[in-house]
Every structure is written in C-alpha cells, then in structure tokens.
C-alpha cells in the first residue's frame, strides 16, 4: 500500500494530521504531507479511513 496526497486538492484543513500524526504532517506551505508512505497494520487502516474522510478527497491510497 502507498499513501500520497494530491497537493492540488489538499485544502490544508489538517484533519489527517490531527487524526493520524504518525502518517501525516503539515508542510511549511500549509498543506498536508505524508510521513510514512507505506504504513502497515493499524496505521494502514487509519490511513485508509482518513482517505475516506478527507473533505477534499486529497489522500490517495494505492494497494
């Protein structure tokens, strides 16, 4: 699994960073960044949930 963020869609709301700080962080540009591109186990499930809950649909998951 690979997690990416589409910077063109990200609005910088920071929900992903608040919910899963082990995988996401805010960049200097005010947009979310991925810390762990290939999380596993519980973090993978959290990242998938976050992708579904992202209001901008900016988090992309490749299986």
N, C-alpha and C. Protein backbone atom coordinates (compact mmCIF):
# COMPACT_ATOMS: atom_id res chain seq x y z
N UNK A 1 0.84 -1.18 0.00
CA UNK A 1 0.00 0.00 0.00
C UNK A 1 0.89 1.25 0.00
N UNK A 2 0.47 2.25 -0.76
CA UNK A 2 1.20 3.51 -0.81
C UNK A 2 0.23 4.67 -0.58
N UNK A 3 0.60 5.59 0.29
CA UNK A 3 -0.22 6.75 0.61
C UNK A 3 0.41 7.98 -0.03
N UNK A 4 -0.38 8.75 -0.74
CA UNK A 4 0.08 10.03 -1.30
C UNK A 4 -0.99 11.08 -1.07
N UNK A 5 -0.60 12.32 -1.23
CA UNK A 5 -1.54 13.43 -1.13
C UNK A 5 -1.46 14.24 -2.41
N UNK A 6 -2.62 14.52 -2.98
CA UNK A 6 -2.70 15.36 -4.16
C UNK A 6 -2.68 16.81 -3.68
N UNK A 7 -1.55 17.47 -3.82
CA UNK A 7 -1.39 18.84 -3.34
C UNK A 7 -2.35 19.80 -4.02
N UNK A 8 -2.78 19.48 -5.22
CA UNK A 8 -3.74 20.32 -5.91
C UNK A 8 -5.14 20.27 -5.31
N UNK A 9 -5.42 19.20 -4.58
CA UNK A 9 -6.73 19.05 -3.94
C UNK A 9 -6.71 19.41 -2.46
N UNK A 10 -5.58 19.26 -1.81
CA UNK A 10 -5.47 19.48 -0.37
C UNK A 10 -5.82 20.94 -0.03
N UNK A 11 -6.68 21.11 0.98
CA UNK A 11 -7.07 22.45 1.42
C UNK A 11 -6.36 22.87 2.70
N UNK A 12 -5.56 21.97 3.26
CA UNK A 12 -4.83 22.30 4.48
C UNK A 12 -5.69 22.31 5.73
N UNK A 13 -6.78 21.56 5.72
CA UNK A 13 -7.69 21.55 6.88
C UNK A 13 -7.06 20.88 8.09
N UNK A 14 -6.07 20.05 7.91
CA UNK A 14 -5.27 19.36 8.94
C UNK A 14 -6.00 18.25 9.69
N UNK A 15 -7.14 17.80 9.22
CA UNK A 15 -7.83 16.69 9.88
C UNK A 15 -6.97 15.44 9.90
N UNK A 16 -6.30 15.16 8.80
CA UNK A 16 -5.46 13.95 8.73
C UNK A 16 -4.32 14.03 9.73
N UNK A 17 -3.75 15.20 9.89
CA UNK A 17 -2.63 15.39 10.82
C UNK A 17 -3.11 15.22 12.25
N UNK A 18 -4.28 15.74 12.55
CA UNK A 18 -4.86 15.61 13.88
C UNK A 18 -5.20 14.16 14.19
N UNK A 19 -5.79 13.46 13.22
CA UNK A 19 -6.25 12.09 13.44
C UNK A 19 -5.14 11.05 13.37
N UNK A 20 -4.16 11.22 12.47
CA UNK A 20 -3.11 10.21 12.28
C UNK A 20 -1.74 10.90 12.13
N UNK A 21 -1.25 11.51 13.21
CA UNK A 21 0.02 12.24 13.12
C UNK A 21 1.22 11.34 12.85
N UNK A 22 1.04 10.03 13.01
CA UNK A 22 2.13 9.10 12.71
C UNK A 22 2.36 8.96 11.21
N UNK A 23 1.34 9.34 10.41
CA UNK A 23 1.42 9.18 8.96
C UNK A 23 1.45 10.52 8.23
N UNK A 24 0.80 11.54 8.79
CA UNK A 24 0.67 12.83 8.11
C UNK A 24 1.24 13.97 8.95
N UNK A 25 1.74 15.00 8.27
CA UNK A 25 2.20 16.22 8.93
C UNK A 25 1.84 17.41 8.05
N UNK A 26 1.84 18.60 8.63
CA UNK A 26 1.60 19.81 7.85
C UNK A 26 2.94 20.33 7.35
N UNK A 27 2.97 20.68 6.08
CA UNK A 27 4.18 21.23 5.49
C UNK A 27 4.25 22.72 5.70
N UNK A 28 5.39 23.29 5.38
CA UNK A 28 5.59 24.74 5.51
C UNK A 28 4.64 25.52 4.60
N UNK A 29 4.14 24.86 3.57
CA UNK A 29 3.23 25.52 2.63
C UNK A 29 1.77 25.46 3.10
N UNK A 30 1.53 24.89 4.30
CA UNK A 30 0.17 24.82 4.83
C UNK A 30 -0.64 23.64 4.32
N UNK A 31 0.01 22.75 3.59
CA UNK A 31 -0.67 21.57 3.06
C UNK A 31 -0.14 20.32 3.75
N UNK A 32 -0.98 19.29 3.77
CA UNK A 32 -0.59 18.03 4.41
C UNK A 32 0.49 17.32 3.60
N UNK A 33 1.35 16.64 4.30
CA UNK A 33 2.42 15.83 3.70
C UNK A 33 2.36 14.43 4.30
N UNK A 34 2.87 13.45 3.57
CA UNK A 34 2.91 12.07 4.05
C UNK A 34 4.27 11.82 4.71
N UNK A 35 4.23 11.35 5.95
CA UNK A 35 5.46 10.98 6.66
C UNK A 35 5.85 9.53 6.38
N UNK A 36 4.85 8.66 6.31
CA UNK A 36 5.08 7.23 6.12
C UNK A 36 4.29 6.80 4.88
N UNK A 37 4.99 6.62 3.76
CA UNK A 37 4.32 6.30 2.50
C UNK A 37 3.73 4.90 2.46
N UNK A 38 4.31 3.97 3.20
CA UNK A 38 3.84 2.58 3.19
C UNK A 38 3.58 2.08 4.60
N UNK A 39 2.55 2.63 5.25
CA UNK A 39 2.24 2.16 6.60
C UNK A 39 1.70 0.73 6.56
N UNK A 40 1.83 0.04 7.68
CA UNK A 40 1.27 -1.30 7.74
C UNK A 40 0.44 -1.45 9.01
N UNK A 41 -0.27 -2.55 9.09
CA UNK A 41 -1.06 -2.85 10.28
C UNK A 41 -2.10 -1.79 10.58
N UNK A 42 -2.15 -1.40 11.83
CA UNK A 42 -3.15 -0.44 12.30
C UNK A 42 -3.00 0.92 11.62
N UNK A 43 -1.76 1.34 11.36
CA UNK A 43 -1.55 2.63 10.69
C UNK A 43 -2.10 2.61 9.27
N UNK A 44 -1.99 1.48 8.60
CA UNK A 44 -2.54 1.36 7.25
C UNK A 44 -4.05 1.53 7.28
N UNK A 45 -4.68 0.91 8.26
CA UNK A 45 -6.14 1.04 8.38
C UNK A 45 -6.55 2.47 8.70
N UNK A 46 -5.80 3.13 9.57
CA UNK A 46 -6.09 4.52 9.90
C UNK A 46 -5.92 5.42 8.68
N UNK A 47 -4.88 5.18 7.89
CA UNK A 47 -4.66 5.98 6.68
C UNK A 47 -5.80 5.78 5.68
N UNK A 48 -6.26 4.55 5.54
CA UNK A 48 -7.40 4.27 4.65
C UNK A 48 -8.64 4.99 5.12
N UNK A 49 -8.91 4.95 6.41
CA UNK A 49 -10.07 5.66 6.96
C UNK A 49 -9.95 7.16 6.72
N UNK A 50 -8.75 7.67 6.90
CA UNK A 50 -8.53 9.10 6.70
C UNK A 50 -8.76 9.50 5.25
N UNK A 51 -8.37 8.63 4.31
CA UNK A 51 -8.60 8.90 2.89
C UNK A 51 -10.10 9.01 2.61
N UNK A 52 -10.88 8.15 3.25
CA UNK A 52 -12.34 8.20 3.07
C UNK A 52 -12.96 9.44 3.70
N UNK A 53 -12.34 9.94 4.77
CA UNK A 53 -12.90 11.08 5.50
C UNK A 53 -12.34 12.44 5.08
N UNK A 54 -11.34 12.44 4.22
CA UNK A 54 -10.74 13.70 3.79
C UNK A 54 -11.80 14.53 3.04
N UNK A 55 -12.10 15.74 3.53
CA UNK A 55 -13.14 16.55 2.88
C UNK A 55 -12.79 16.98 1.46
N UNK A 56 -11.50 17.01 1.14
CA UNK A 56 -11.07 17.41 -0.21
C UNK A 56 -10.75 16.22 -1.09
N UNK A 57 -10.86 14.99 -0.55
CA UNK A 57 -10.51 13.77 -1.27
C UNK A 57 -9.08 13.84 -1.81
N UNK A 58 -8.19 14.44 -0.99
CA UNK A 58 -6.81 14.64 -1.42
C UNK A 58 -5.87 13.48 -1.07
N UNK A 59 -6.31 12.59 -0.17
CA UNK A 59 -5.46 11.46 0.23
C UNK A 59 -5.74 10.29 -0.69
N UNK A 60 -4.70 9.82 -1.33
CA UNK A 60 -4.83 8.72 -2.29
C UNK A 60 -4.15 7.48 -1.75
N UNK A 61 -4.83 6.34 -1.89
CA UNK A 61 -4.30 5.06 -1.44
C UNK A 61 -4.16 4.14 -2.64
N UNK A 62 -2.95 3.66 -2.86
CA UNK A 62 -2.70 2.66 -3.91
C UNK A 62 -2.41 1.33 -3.23
N UNK A 63 -3.16 0.32 -3.59
CA UNK A 63 -2.95 -1.01 -3.00
C UNK A 63 -1.86 -1.75 -3.73
